[in-house]
N, C-alpha and C. Protein backbone atom coordinates (compact mmCIF):
# COMPACT_ATOMS: atom_id res chain seq x y z
N MET A 1 -116.05 25.52 -24.75
CA MET A 1 -115.48 25.47 -23.42
C MET A 1 -115.23 24.02 -23.04
N THR A 2 -114.02 23.70 -22.64
CA THR A 2 -113.71 22.33 -22.25
C THR A 2 -113.76 22.22 -20.74
N HIS A 3 -114.12 21.05 -20.28
CA HIS A 3 -114.21 20.81 -18.84
C HIS A 3 -113.09 19.86 -18.43
N LYS A 4 -112.30 20.28 -17.47
CA LYS A 4 -111.26 19.41 -16.94
C LYS A 4 -111.89 18.46 -15.93
N THR A 5 -111.19 17.36 -15.68
CA THR A 5 -111.64 16.44 -14.65
C THR A 5 -111.57 17.17 -13.31
N ASN A 6 -112.59 17.04 -12.51
CA ASN A 6 -112.63 17.70 -11.21
C ASN A 6 -111.61 17.05 -10.28
N PRO A 7 -110.57 17.82 -9.84
CA PRO A 7 -109.58 17.22 -8.95
C PRO A 7 -110.16 16.88 -7.58
N TRP A 8 -111.32 17.46 -7.27
CA TRP A 8 -111.94 17.21 -5.97
C TRP A 8 -113.00 16.11 -6.07
N GLY A 9 -112.89 15.29 -7.10
CA GLY A 9 -113.86 14.23 -7.34
C GLY A 9 -113.95 13.22 -6.21
N PRO A 10 -114.84 12.25 -6.35
CA PRO A 10 -115.11 11.29 -5.28
C PRO A 10 -113.92 10.40 -4.92
N LYS A 11 -112.92 10.30 -5.80
CA LYS A 11 -111.79 9.42 -5.51
C LYS A 11 -110.67 10.14 -4.74
N LEU A 12 -110.84 11.43 -4.46
CA LEU A 12 -109.82 12.17 -3.75
C LEU A 12 -109.70 11.65 -2.31
N ASP A 13 -108.49 11.41 -1.90
CA ASP A 13 -108.19 10.97 -0.54
C ASP A 13 -108.73 12.02 0.44
N PRO A 14 -109.50 11.62 1.46
CA PRO A 14 -110.01 12.59 2.44
C PRO A 14 -108.89 13.41 3.09
N LEU A 15 -107.73 12.81 3.23
CA LEU A 15 -106.60 13.53 3.81
C LEU A 15 -106.14 14.66 2.88
N ALA A 16 -106.20 14.43 1.57
CA ALA A 16 -105.86 15.48 0.60
C ALA A 16 -106.85 16.63 0.71
N HIS A 17 -108.10 16.29 0.94
CA HIS A 17 -109.11 17.34 1.12
C HIS A 17 -108.80 18.16 2.36
N ASP A 18 -108.41 17.51 3.45
CA ASP A 18 -108.03 18.22 4.68
C ASP A 18 -106.83 19.13 4.43
N VAL A 19 -105.83 18.63 3.71
CA VAL A 19 -104.64 19.42 3.40
C VAL A 19 -105.05 20.66 2.59
N ALA A 20 -105.89 20.47 1.59
CA ALA A 20 -106.34 21.59 0.77
C ALA A 20 -107.12 22.61 1.60
N THR A 21 -107.94 22.12 2.51
CA THR A 21 -108.71 23.01 3.38
C THR A 21 -107.78 23.88 4.23
N VAL A 22 -106.75 23.26 4.78
CA VAL A 22 -105.77 24.01 5.58
C VAL A 22 -105.06 25.04 4.71
N LEU A 23 -104.59 24.62 3.54
CA LEU A 23 -103.89 25.57 2.67
C LEU A 23 -104.80 26.73 2.28
N LYS A 24 -106.06 26.45 1.98
CA LYS A 24 -107.01 27.52 1.64
C LYS A 24 -107.13 28.50 2.80
N SER A 25 -107.24 27.96 4.02
CA SER A 25 -107.42 28.82 5.19
C SER A 25 -106.17 29.65 5.48
N MET A 26 -105.02 29.23 4.95
CA MET A 26 -103.75 29.94 5.16
C MET A 26 -103.44 30.86 3.98
N GLY A 27 -104.40 31.09 3.12
CA GLY A 27 -104.17 31.97 1.98
C GLY A 27 -103.59 31.28 0.77
N GLY A 28 -103.56 29.95 0.79
CA GLY A 28 -103.12 29.19 -0.38
C GLY A 28 -101.78 28.51 -0.23
N SER A 29 -100.98 28.89 0.78
CA SER A 29 -99.70 28.22 0.98
C SER A 29 -99.31 28.27 2.44
N ALA A 30 -98.47 27.31 2.84
CA ALA A 30 -98.02 27.24 4.23
C ALA A 30 -96.84 26.29 4.32
N HIS A 31 -96.10 26.40 5.41
CA HIS A 31 -94.99 25.50 5.69
C HIS A 31 -95.56 24.11 5.97
N GLN A 32 -94.83 23.10 5.56
CA GLN A 32 -95.27 21.71 5.72
C GLN A 32 -95.64 21.39 7.18
N LYS A 33 -94.84 21.82 8.15
CA LYS A 33 -95.11 21.53 9.55
C LYS A 33 -96.41 22.17 10.02
N VAL A 34 -96.69 23.38 9.54
CA VAL A 34 -97.93 24.06 9.90
C VAL A 34 -99.13 23.26 9.37
N VAL A 35 -99.02 22.78 8.14
CA VAL A 35 -100.10 21.99 7.55
C VAL A 35 -100.31 20.72 8.36
N VAL A 36 -99.22 20.03 8.70
CA VAL A 36 -99.32 18.79 9.49
C VAL A 36 -99.99 19.08 10.83
N ASP A 37 -99.57 20.14 11.50
CA ASP A 37 -100.15 20.48 12.81
C ASP A 37 -101.63 20.82 12.69
N CYS A 38 -101.99 21.57 11.66
CA CYS A 38 -103.40 21.97 11.48
C CYS A 38 -104.29 20.79 11.11
N VAL A 39 -103.81 19.92 10.23
CA VAL A 39 -104.60 18.73 9.87
C VAL A 39 -104.78 17.84 11.10
N THR A 40 -103.73 17.69 11.89
CA THR A 40 -103.83 16.91 13.12
C THR A 40 -104.89 17.50 14.04
N ALA A 41 -104.87 18.81 14.20
CA ALA A 41 -105.86 19.49 15.05
C ALA A 41 -107.28 19.30 14.51
N MET A 42 -107.44 19.39 13.18
CA MET A 42 -108.77 19.19 12.58
C MET A 42 -109.29 17.79 12.88
N LYS A 43 -108.42 16.80 12.72
CA LYS A 43 -108.83 15.41 12.95
C LYS A 43 -109.20 15.20 14.43
N ARG A 44 -108.42 15.78 15.32
CA ARG A 44 -108.75 15.68 16.75
C ARG A 44 -110.09 16.32 17.05
N GLN A 45 -110.32 17.49 16.47
CA GLN A 45 -111.57 18.22 16.69
C GLN A 45 -112.78 17.41 16.21
N ARG A 46 -112.59 16.63 15.15
CA ARG A 46 -113.68 15.79 14.63
C ARG A 46 -113.79 14.47 15.40
N GLY A 47 -112.87 14.25 16.35
CA GLY A 47 -112.92 13.02 17.14
C GLY A 47 -112.30 11.83 16.44
N GLU A 48 -111.48 12.07 15.41
CA GLU A 48 -110.84 10.98 14.68
C GLU A 48 -109.56 10.55 15.39
N ALA A 49 -109.21 9.30 15.21
CA ALA A 49 -107.96 8.78 15.78
C ALA A 49 -106.77 9.39 15.04
N ILE A 50 -105.73 9.70 15.81
CA ILE A 50 -104.50 10.25 15.24
C ILE A 50 -103.43 9.17 15.29
N ASN A 51 -102.98 8.74 14.12
CA ASN A 51 -101.92 7.73 14.04
C ASN A 51 -100.56 8.39 14.14
N GLN A 52 -99.59 7.64 14.62
CA GLN A 52 -98.22 8.17 14.72
C GLN A 52 -97.64 8.52 13.36
N ASP A 53 -98.12 7.87 12.33
CA ASP A 53 -97.57 8.11 10.99
C ASP A 53 -98.37 9.15 10.20
N LEU A 54 -99.20 9.94 10.89
CA LEU A 54 -100.02 10.92 10.20
C LEU A 54 -99.17 11.92 9.41
N ALA A 55 -98.10 12.42 10.01
CA ALA A 55 -97.24 13.39 9.31
C ALA A 55 -96.70 12.78 8.02
N ALA A 56 -96.25 11.53 8.08
CA ALA A 56 -95.73 10.86 6.89
C ALA A 56 -96.83 10.70 5.84
N LYS A 57 -98.05 10.40 6.27
CA LYS A 57 -99.17 10.25 5.34
C LYS A 57 -99.50 11.58 4.66
N ILE A 58 -99.41 12.68 5.42
CA ILE A 58 -99.68 13.99 4.84
C ILE A 58 -98.63 14.33 3.79
N ILE A 59 -97.37 14.06 4.08
CA ILE A 59 -96.30 14.32 3.11
C ILE A 59 -96.51 13.46 1.87
N GLU A 60 -96.94 12.23 2.08
CA GLU A 60 -97.24 11.33 0.95
C GLU A 60 -98.37 11.90 0.09
N VAL A 61 -99.38 12.50 0.73
CA VAL A 61 -100.49 13.12 0.00
C VAL A 61 -99.98 14.28 -0.84
N PHE A 62 -99.11 15.12 -0.26
CA PHE A 62 -98.52 16.23 -1.03
C PHE A 62 -97.86 15.69 -2.30
N GLU A 63 -97.08 14.63 -2.15
CA GLU A 63 -96.33 14.08 -3.28
C GLU A 63 -97.24 13.38 -4.29
N ARG A 64 -98.25 12.67 -3.81
CA ARG A 64 -99.14 11.90 -4.70
C ARG A 64 -100.04 12.82 -5.53
N TYR A 65 -100.45 13.94 -4.96
CA TYR A 65 -101.37 14.85 -5.64
C TYR A 65 -100.64 16.09 -6.12
N ARG A 66 -99.58 15.89 -6.90
CA ARG A 66 -98.79 17.02 -7.39
C ARG A 66 -99.56 17.87 -8.40
N ASP A 67 -100.70 17.40 -8.88
CA ASP A 67 -101.55 18.24 -9.72
C ASP A 67 -102.34 19.23 -8.86
N LEU A 68 -102.43 18.98 -7.56
CA LEU A 68 -103.15 19.87 -6.64
C LEU A 68 -102.21 20.70 -5.78
N PHE A 69 -101.07 20.11 -5.40
CA PHE A 69 -100.15 20.77 -4.47
C PHE A 69 -98.78 20.96 -5.11
N ILE A 70 -98.23 22.15 -4.93
CA ILE A 70 -96.92 22.46 -5.51
C ILE A 70 -96.00 23.02 -4.43
N ARG A 71 -94.71 23.03 -4.74
CA ARG A 71 -93.72 23.69 -3.88
C ARG A 71 -93.38 25.02 -4.56
N PRO A 72 -93.97 26.13 -4.10
CA PRO A 72 -93.79 27.40 -4.80
C PRO A 72 -92.35 27.93 -4.79
N PHE A 73 -91.53 27.47 -3.85
CA PHE A 73 -90.15 27.95 -3.77
C PHE A 73 -89.16 26.87 -4.20
N GLY A 74 -89.63 25.86 -4.92
CA GLY A 74 -88.76 24.83 -5.45
C GLY A 74 -88.75 23.57 -4.60
N GLU A 75 -88.16 22.54 -5.17
CA GLU A 75 -88.20 21.21 -4.57
C GLU A 75 -87.49 21.09 -3.23
N GLY A 76 -86.54 21.96 -2.91
CA GLY A 76 -85.87 21.86 -1.62
C GLY A 76 -86.64 22.52 -0.50
N SER A 77 -87.68 23.24 -0.84
CA SER A 77 -88.45 24.01 0.13
C SER A 77 -89.40 23.13 0.94
N MET A 78 -89.71 23.58 2.12
CA MET A 78 -90.70 22.88 2.96
C MET A 78 -92.06 23.56 2.87
N ARG A 79 -92.20 24.52 1.97
CA ARG A 79 -93.45 25.23 1.81
C ARG A 79 -94.26 24.59 0.69
N TRP A 80 -95.55 24.44 0.94
CA TRP A 80 -96.48 23.87 -0.04
C TRP A 80 -97.57 24.88 -0.35
N ALA A 81 -98.14 24.76 -1.53
CA ALA A 81 -99.23 25.64 -1.95
C ALA A 81 -100.21 24.87 -2.82
N LEU A 82 -101.39 25.44 -2.92
CA LEU A 82 -102.36 24.90 -3.87
C LEU A 82 -101.86 25.26 -5.27
N ALA A 83 -101.98 24.34 -6.19
CA ALA A 83 -101.56 24.59 -7.57
C ALA A 83 -102.43 25.70 -8.16
N PRO A 84 -101.87 26.49 -9.09
CA PRO A 84 -102.66 27.54 -9.74
C PRO A 84 -103.94 26.96 -10.35
N GLY A 85 -105.03 27.64 -10.14
CA GLY A 85 -106.31 27.19 -10.69
C GLY A 85 -107.07 26.23 -9.80
N VAL A 86 -106.45 25.77 -8.71
CA VAL A 86 -107.14 24.87 -7.79
C VAL A 86 -107.75 25.72 -6.68
N ALA A 87 -109.06 25.61 -6.55
CA ALA A 87 -109.72 26.41 -5.50
C ALA A 87 -110.73 25.61 -4.75
């Protein structure tokens, strides 16, 4: 049995973890705007500062962690999902 590198390791951006948490709570996939709104709400609930560029940072996280997040309906879609096997 081989062990893959844990994608949720200590170097994972906390914002990527928030995005994954939202996607998990939505059944594994959701529209980009819904994810942005939910992550913003989570950060507010934790008392964290919300920057104006948060939406752009979330989109950047989707793109940077393409091993974790995929576009299930293709590259033109605004829907994101957890990659198969990521839980």
